[in-house]
Amino acid sequence: MIEGMKTVVLTLLIGSMLVAGGSNVCAGPFDDGYVAYERGDYATALSLFRQLAEQGNANAQFFVGYMYKNGEGVPKDFAEAAKWFRKSADQGLAVQPRRNVPQRQGCAAE
C-alpha cells in the first residue's frame, strides 16, 4: 500500500512539473535521477539529484529532502530532509503538506 501511494505521489509530482513547469522542466540528469528512483536505484538517484540540488535546482532539492525523510538510499534524517525542503521552499517550490504535491514547479538552475 505504501509503495502504491509513493508511486501515486511521485507520478503526480512529475506530472505537475510537466504541466506547470512547461519548458522549465529540467531534462537530462533530473530525468535520469527520476528513472533511477522509480526502479529503486536510490544511490544513483541521490547522486544525480544531489548534484543538481547543490547547483540550486529546487525540484532536485525537494527530492533529496524526500529521500532523507523516507530513508531511501540514506539513513532517515529529518534534520537533513528539512534542510533540503527549506532550500526548495526558499526558491518558491510549495508542497501541499498532506499530499506532497508541488504547487509550483520549474528549474532553479538552468
C-alpha atoms as a PDB file:
ATOM      1  CA  MET A   1       0.000   0.000   0.000  1.00  0.00           C
ATOM      2  CA  ILE A   2       2.811   2.424   0.881  1.00  0.00           C
ATOM      3  CA  GLU A   3       4.643   1.589  -2.354  1.00  0.00           C
ATOM      4  CA  GLY A   4       1.463   2.292  -4.304  1.00  0.00           C
ATOM      5  CA  MET A   5       0.978   5.640  -2.569  1.00  0.00           C
ATOM      6  CA  LYS A   6       4.625   6.534  -3.204  1.00  0.00           C
ATOM      7  CA  THR A   7       4.151   5.840  -6.910  1.00  0.00           C
ATOM      8  CA  VAL A   8       0.986   7.972  -6.986  1.00  0.00           C
ATOM      9  CA  VAL A   9       2.718  10.869  -5.200  1.00  0.00           C
ATOM     10  CA  LEU A  10       5.743  10.742  -7.488  1.00  0.00           C
ATOM     11  CA  THR A  11       3.581  10.431 -10.596  1.00  0.00           C
ATOM     12  CA  LEU A  12       1.601  13.492  -9.514  1.00  0.00           C
ATOM     13  CA  LEU A  13       4.830  15.327  -8.742  1.00  0.00           C
ATOM     14  CA  ILE A  14       6.352  14.670 -12.160  1.00  0.00           C
ATOM     15  CA  GLY A  15       3.017  15.270 -13.919  1.00  0.00           C
ATOM     16  CA  SER A  16       2.615  18.625 -12.248  1.00  0.00           C
ATOM     17  CA  MET A  17       6.187  19.515 -13.206  1.00  0.00           C
ATOM     18  CA  LEU A  18       5.373  18.828 -16.827  1.00  0.00           C
ATOM     19  CA  VAL A  19       2.098  20.753 -16.750  1.00  0.00           C
ATOM     20  CA  ALA A  20       3.016  23.690 -14.515  1.00  0.00           C
ATOM     21  CA  GLY A  21       6.658  23.997 -15.455  1.00  0.00           C
ATOM     22  CA  GLY A  22       6.259  23.622 -19.187  1.00  0.00           C
ATOM     23  CA  SER A  23       9.607  24.218 -20.803  1.00  0.00           C
ATOM     24  CA  ASN A  24      11.163  24.886 -17.400  1.00  0.00           C
ATOM     25  CA  VAL A  25      11.244  21.184 -16.522  1.00  0.00           C
ATOM     26  CA  CYS A  26      14.850  20.015 -16.476  1.00  0.00           C
ATOM     27  CA  ALA A  27      15.781  17.285 -18.892  1.00  0.00           C
ATOM     28  CA  GLY A  28      18.858  15.134 -18.599  1.00  0.00           C
ATOM     29  CA  PRO A  29      20.223  14.442 -15.123  1.00  0.00           C
ATOM     30  CA  PHE A  30      16.904  15.156 -13.387  1.00  0.00           C
ATOM     31  CA  ASP A  31      15.050  12.732 -15.636  1.00  0.00           C
ATOM     32  CA  ASP A  32      17.818  10.163 -15.173  1.00  0.00           C
ATOM     33  CA  GLY A  33      17.545  10.609 -11.407  1.00  0.00           C
ATOM     34  CA  TYR A  34      13.799  10.111 -11.507  1.00  0.00           C
ATOM     35  CA  VAL A  35      14.111   6.940 -13.621  1.00  0.00           C
ATOM     36  CA  ALA A  36      16.743   5.593 -11.201  1.00  0.00           C
ATOM     37  CA  TYR A  37      14.462   6.431  -8.265  1.00  0.00           C
ATOM     38  CA  GLU A  38      11.494   4.667  -9.847  1.00  0.00           C
ATOM     39  CA  ARG A  39      13.480   1.479 -10.379  1.00  0.00           C
ATOM     40  CA  GLY A  40      14.739   1.569  -6.775  1.00  0.00           C
ATOM     41  CA  ASP A  41      18.329   2.569  -7.584  1.00  0.00           C
ATOM     42  CA  TYR A  42      18.408   5.104  -4.785  1.00  0.00           C
ATOM     43  CA  ALA A  43      22.197   5.542  -4.767  1.00  0.00           C
ATOM     44  CA  THR A  44      22.187   6.689  -8.402  1.00  0.00           C
ATOM     45  CA  ALA A  45      19.068   8.813  -7.914  1.00  0.00           C
ATOM     46  CA  LEU A  46      20.534  10.525  -4.852  1.00  0.00           C
ATOM     47  CA  SER A  47      23.829  11.176  -6.624  1.00  0.00           C
ATOM     48  CA  LEU A  48      22.102  12.796  -9.604  1.00  0.00           C
ATOM     49  CA  PHE A  49      19.581  14.744  -7.517  1.00  0.00           C
ATOM     50  CA  ARG A  50      22.214  15.935  -5.040  1.00  0.00           C
ATOM     51  CA  GLN A  51      24.453  17.271  -7.817  1.00  0.00           C
ATOM     52  CA  LEU A  52      21.542  19.288  -9.226  1.00  0.00           C
ATOM     53  CA  ALA A  53      20.379  20.299  -5.747  1.00  0.00           C
ATOM     54  CA  GLU A  54      23.792  21.701  -4.894  1.00  0.00           C
ATOM     55  CA  GLN A  55      23.599  23.761  -8.107  1.00  0.00           C
ATOM     56  CA  GLY A  56      20.321  25.240  -6.881  1.00  0.00           C
ATOM     57  CA  ASN A  57      17.679  23.121  -8.646  1.00  0.00           C
ATOM     58  CA  ALA A  58      14.580  23.379  -6.425  1.00  0.00           C
ATOM     59  CA  ASN A  59      12.993  20.183  -7.756  1.00  0.00           C
ATOM     60  CA  ALA A  60      16.146  18.197  -7.059  1.00  0.00           C
ATOM     61  CA  GLN A  61      16.391  19.790  -3.611  1.00  0.00           C
ATOM     62  CA  PHE A  62      12.862  18.574  -2.907  1.00  0.00           C
ATOM     63  CA  PHE A  63      13.732  15.023  -3.985  1.00  0.00           C
ATOM     64  CA  VAL A  64      16.913  14.969  -1.867  1.00  0.00           C
ATOM     65  CA  GLY A  65      14.801  16.033   1.102  1.00  0.00           C
ATOM     66  CA  TYR A  66      12.181  13.428   0.252  1.00  0.00           C
ATOM     67  CA  MET A  67      14.807  10.687   0.131  1.00  0.00           C
ATOM     68  CA  TYR A  68      16.255  11.712   3.514  1.00  0.00           C
ATOM     69  CA  LYS A  69      12.757  11.891   5.002  1.00  0.00           C
ATOM     70  CA  ASN A  70      11.994   8.344   3.859  1.00  0.00           C
ATOM     71  CA  GLY A  71      15.461   6.832   4.315  1.00  0.00           C
ATOM     72  CA  GLU A  72      15.806   5.913   0.649  1.00  0.00           C
ATOM     73  CA  GLY A  73      19.471   5.341  -0.156  1.00  0.00           C
ATOM     74  CA  VAL A  74      20.442   7.114   3.065  1.00  0.00           C
ATOM     75  CA  PRO A  75      19.592   6.693   6.737  1.00  0.00           C
ATOM     76  CA  LYS A  76      16.428   8.578   7.720  1.00  0.00           C
ATOM     77  CA  ASP A  77      17.480  12.058   8.758  1.00  0.00           C
ATOM     78  CA  PHE A  78      14.674  14.513   9.362  1.00  0.00           C
ATOM     79  CA  ALA A  79      17.052  17.425  10.009  1.00  0.00           C
ATOM     80  CA  GLU A  80      18.796  16.854   6.677  1.00  0.00           C
ATOM     81  CA  ALA A  81      15.410  16.432   4.966  1.00  0.00           C
ATOM     82  CA  ALA A  82      14.210  19.713   6.471  1.00  0.00           C
ATOM     83  CA  LYS A  83      17.364  21.472   5.232  1.00  0.00           C
ATOM     84  CA  TRP A  84      16.690  20.412   1.634  1.00  0.00           C
ATOM     85  CA  PHE A  85      12.948  21.063   1.836  1.00  0.00           C
ATOM     86  CA  ARG A  86      13.727  24.581   3.122  1.00  0.00           C
ATOM     87  CA  LYS A  87      16.137  25.225   0.229  1.00  0.00           C
ATOM     88  CA  SER A  88      13.472  24.238  -2.309  1.00  0.00           C
ATOM     89  CA  ALA A  89      10.796  26.254  -0.497  1.00  0.00           C
ATOM     90  CA  ASP A  90      13.056  29.315  -0.384  1.00  0.00           C
ATOM     91  CA  GLN A  91      13.027  29.213  -4.183  1.00  0.00           C
ATOM     92  CA  GLY A  92       9.251  29.123  -4.338  1.00  0.00           C
ATOM     93  CA  LEU A  93       8.600  25.387  -4.590  1.00  0.00           C
ATOM     94  CA  ALA A  94       5.492  24.886  -2.479  1.00  0.00           C
ATOM     95  CA  VAL A  95       4.124  21.490  -1.479  1.00  0.00           C
ATOM     96  CA  GLN A  96       0.700  20.811  -0.034  1.00  0.00           C
ATOM     97  CA  PRO A  97       1.565  19.292   3.373  1.00  0.00           C
ATOM     98  CA  ARG A  98      -0.951  16.456   3.307  1.00  0.00           C
ATOM     99  CA  ARG A  99      -0.266  15.303  -0.229  1.00  0.00           C
ATOM    100  CA  ASN A 100       3.382  16.109  -1.026  1.00  0.00           C
ATOM    101  CA  VAL A 101       2.216  17.568  -4.329  1.00  0.00           C
ATOM    102  CA  PRO A 102       4.085  20.623  -5.577  1.00  0.00           C
ATOM    103  CA  GLN A 103       2.065  23.722  -6.306  1.00  0.00           C
ATOM    104  CA  ARG A 104       4.704  25.457  -8.440  1.00  0.00           C
ATOM    105  CA  GLN A 105       7.460  23.905 -10.484  1.00  0.00           C
ATOM    106  CA  GLY A 106      10.397  24.995 -12.601  1.00  0.00           C
ATOM    107  CA  CYS A 107      14.124  24.657 -12.963  1.00  0.00           C
ATOM    108  CA  ALA A 108      16.073  26.699 -10.492  1.00  0.00           C
ATOM    109  CA  ALA A 109      19.390  26.193 -12.235  1.00  0.00           C
ATOM    110  CA  GLU A 110      19.258  26.011 -15.995  1.00  0.00           C
END
